[in-house]
C-alpha atoms as a PDB file:
ATOM      1  CA  MET A   1     -12.750 -87.964 -43.689  1.00  0.00           C
ATOM      2  CA  GLU A   2     -10.643 -90.192 -41.180  1.00  0.00           C
ATOM      3  CA  GLU A   3     -10.869 -88.194 -38.492  1.00  0.00           C
ATOM      4  CA  ILE A   4     -15.190 -88.060 -38.707  1.00  0.00           C
ATOM      5  CA  ALA A   5     -15.031 -92.160 -39.117  1.00  0.00           C
ATOM      6  CA  HIS A   6     -13.256 -92.306 -35.949  1.00  0.00           C
ATOM      7  CA  GLU A   7     -15.300 -89.727 -34.408  1.00  0.00           C
ATOM      8  CA  ARG A   8     -18.276 -91.837 -35.700  1.00  0.00           C
ATOM      9  CA  GLU A   9     -16.862 -95.171 -34.309  1.00  0.00           C
ATOM     10  CA  ARG A  10     -16.422 -93.723 -31.014  1.00  0.00           C
ATOM     11  CA  GLN A  11     -19.763 -92.373 -30.688  1.00  0.00           C
ATOM     12  CA  PHE A  12     -21.372 -95.451 -31.888  1.00  0.00           C
ATOM     13  CA  ASN A  13     -19.479 -97.291 -29.039  1.00  0.00           C
ATOM     14  CA  LEU A  14     -20.640 -95.014 -26.457  1.00  0.00           C
ATOM     15  CA  PRO A  15     -23.196 -96.359 -23.774  1.00  0.00           C
ATOM     16  CA  GLY A  16     -26.571 -95.629 -24.701  1.00  0.00           C
ATOM     17  CA  SER A  17     -25.844 -95.749 -28.457  1.00  0.00           C
ATOM     18  CA  GLU A  18     -28.522 -98.855 -28.752  1.00  0.00           C
ATOM     19  CA  PHE A  19     -31.329 -96.353 -28.222  1.00  0.00           C
ATOM     20  CA  ASP A  20     -30.132 -94.191 -31.328  1.00  0.00           C
ATOM     21  CA  GLN A  21     -32.841 -96.093 -33.374  1.00  0.00           C
ATOM     22  CA  LEU A  22     -35.498 -93.902 -31.519  1.00  0.00           C
ATOM     23  CA  HIS A  23     -34.203 -90.845 -32.675  1.00  0.00           C
ATOM     24  CA  SER A  24     -36.184 -88.867 -35.421  1.00  0.00           C
ATOM     25  CA  MET A  25     -34.597 -86.518 -37.849  1.00  0.00           C
ATOM     26  CA  ASN A  26     -35.161 -83.671 -36.270  1.00  0.00           C
ATOM     27  CA  ASP A  27     -33.696 -85.459 -32.905  1.00  0.00           C
ATOM     28  CA  TRP A  28     -30.054 -85.990 -34.872  1.00  0.00           C
ATOM     29  CA  ILE A  29     -30.517 -82.193 -36.446  1.00  0.00           C
ATOM     30  CA  ALA A  30     -30.854 -80.824 -32.988  1.00  0.00           C
ATOM     31  CA  ILE A  31     -28.069 -82.720 -31.656  1.00  0.00           C
ATOM     32  CA  ALA A  32     -25.600 -81.986 -34.282  1.00  0.00           C
ATOM     33  CA  ALA A  33     -26.786 -78.167 -34.201  1.00  0.00           C
ATOM     34  CA  GLN A  34     -25.393 -78.353 -30.654  1.00  0.00           C
ATOM     35  CA  TYR A  35     -21.838 -79.214 -31.598  1.00  0.00           C
ATOM     36  CA  LEU A  36     -22.111 -76.828 -34.122  1.00  0.00           C
ATOM     37  CA  THR A  37     -22.905 -73.744 -32.085  1.00  0.00           C
ATOM     38  CA  ARG A  38     -20.549 -74.952 -29.421  1.00  0.00           C
ATOM     39  CA  GLY A  39     -17.687 -73.969 -31.163  1.00  0.00           C
ATOM     40  CA  ALA A  40     -19.140 -70.586 -32.618  1.00  0.00           C
ATOM     41  CA  ASP A  41     -18.478 -67.214 -31.300  1.00  0.00           C
ATOM     42  CA  ARG A  42     -19.581 -63.383 -32.004  1.00  0.00           C
ATOM     43  CA  LYS A  43     -18.458 -61.778 -35.185  1.00  0.00           C
ATOM     44  CA  HIS A  44     -14.807 -60.326 -34.635  1.00  0.00           C
ATOM     45  CA  THR A  45     -13.991 -62.758 -31.860  1.00  0.00           C
ATOM     46  CA  LYS A  46     -11.794 -65.566 -32.330  1.00  0.00           C
ATOM     47  CA  GLY A  47     -12.746 -68.907 -31.082  1.00  0.00           C
ATOM     48  CA  ASP A  48      -9.908 -71.669 -30.525  1.00  0.00           C
ATOM     49  CA  PRO A  49      -9.669 -73.232 -33.781  1.00  0.00           C
ATOM     50  CA  ALA A  50      -9.062 -76.708 -32.396  1.00  0.00           C
ATOM     51  CA  GLU A  51     -12.265 -76.846 -30.379  1.00  0.00           C
ATOM     52  CA  GLN A  52     -14.009 -75.382 -33.514  1.00  0.00           C
ATOM     53  CA  ARG A  53     -12.303 -78.043 -35.601  1.00  0.00           C
ATOM     54  CA  MET A  54     -13.482 -80.727 -33.209  1.00  0.00           C
ATOM     55  CA  ALA A  55     -16.948 -79.359 -32.953  1.00  0.00           C
ATOM     56  CA  LEU A  56     -16.947 -79.757 -37.106  1.00  0.00           C
ATOM     57  CA  VAL A  57     -15.888 -83.602 -36.452  1.00  0.00           C
ATOM     58  CA  LYS A  58     -18.106 -84.296 -34.150  1.00  0.00           C
ATOM     59  CA  ALA A  59     -21.444 -82.735 -35.970  1.00  0.00           C
ATOM     60  CA  ALA A  60     -20.039 -84.399 -39.034  1.00  0.00           C
ATOM     61  CA  ALA A  61     -20.110 -87.830 -37.572  1.00  0.00           C
ATOM     62  CA  VAL A  62     -23.621 -86.881 -35.836  1.00  0.00           C
ATOM     63  CA  ILE A  63     -24.591 -86.265 -39.436  1.00  0.00           C
ATOM     64  CA  LEU A  64     -23.275 -89.288 -40.660  1.00  0.00           C
ATOM     65  CA  ALA A  65     -25.345 -91.735 -37.966  1.00  0.00           C
ATOM     66  CA  ALA A  66     -28.454 -89.468 -38.855  1.00  0.00           C
ATOM     67  CA  ILE A  67     -27.999 -90.497 -42.803  1.00  0.00           C
ATOM     68  CA  GLU A  68     -26.860 -94.127 -42.104  1.00  0.00           C
ATOM     69  CA  HIS A  69     -30.398 -94.688 -39.690  1.00  0.00           C
ATOM     70  CA  HIS A  70     -32.633 -93.098 -41.824  1.00  0.00           C
ATOM     71  CA  GLN A  71     -31.099 -95.235 -44.796  1.00  0.00           C
ATOM     72  CA  ILE A  72     -31.735 -98.607 -42.960  1.00  0.00           C
ATOM     73  CA  LYS A  73     -35.417 -98.000 -41.237  1.00  0.00           C
ATOM     74  CA  PRO A  74     -37.097 -94.888 -43.421  1.00  0.00           C
ATOM     75  CA  PRO A  75     -39.201 -92.775 -41.209  1.00  0.00           C
ATOM     76  CA  VAL A  76     -42.914 -93.481 -40.508  1.00  0.00           C
ATOM     77  CA  LEU A  77     -44.999 -90.629 -41.759  1.00  0.00           C
ATOM     78  CA  ASN A  78     -48.196 -89.759 -40.355  1.00  0.00           C
ATOM     79  CA  THR A  79     -50.957 -89.928 -42.673  1.00  0.00           C
ATOM     80  CA  ARG A  80     -53.546 -88.909 -40.251  1.00  0.00           C
ATOM     81  CA  LYS A  81     -55.491 -85.466 -40.688  1.00  0.00           C
END
């Protein structure tokens, strides 16, 4: 968990993170999915365990950011039909 907290802080301090409030929930899911699929390989092959672990940590930090963001500012629902 400490590793995820450090990664979340690193991501928060990256240039451009001030625009994170513009991300939709879909955007956050897509970002996390990129990290999750980056470390994946096909069945019967082995990926690098260190790279796979880091991909999980980065995805977890992105998911945490998404949850934080949507707790602070709930999404605006489109009520038009």
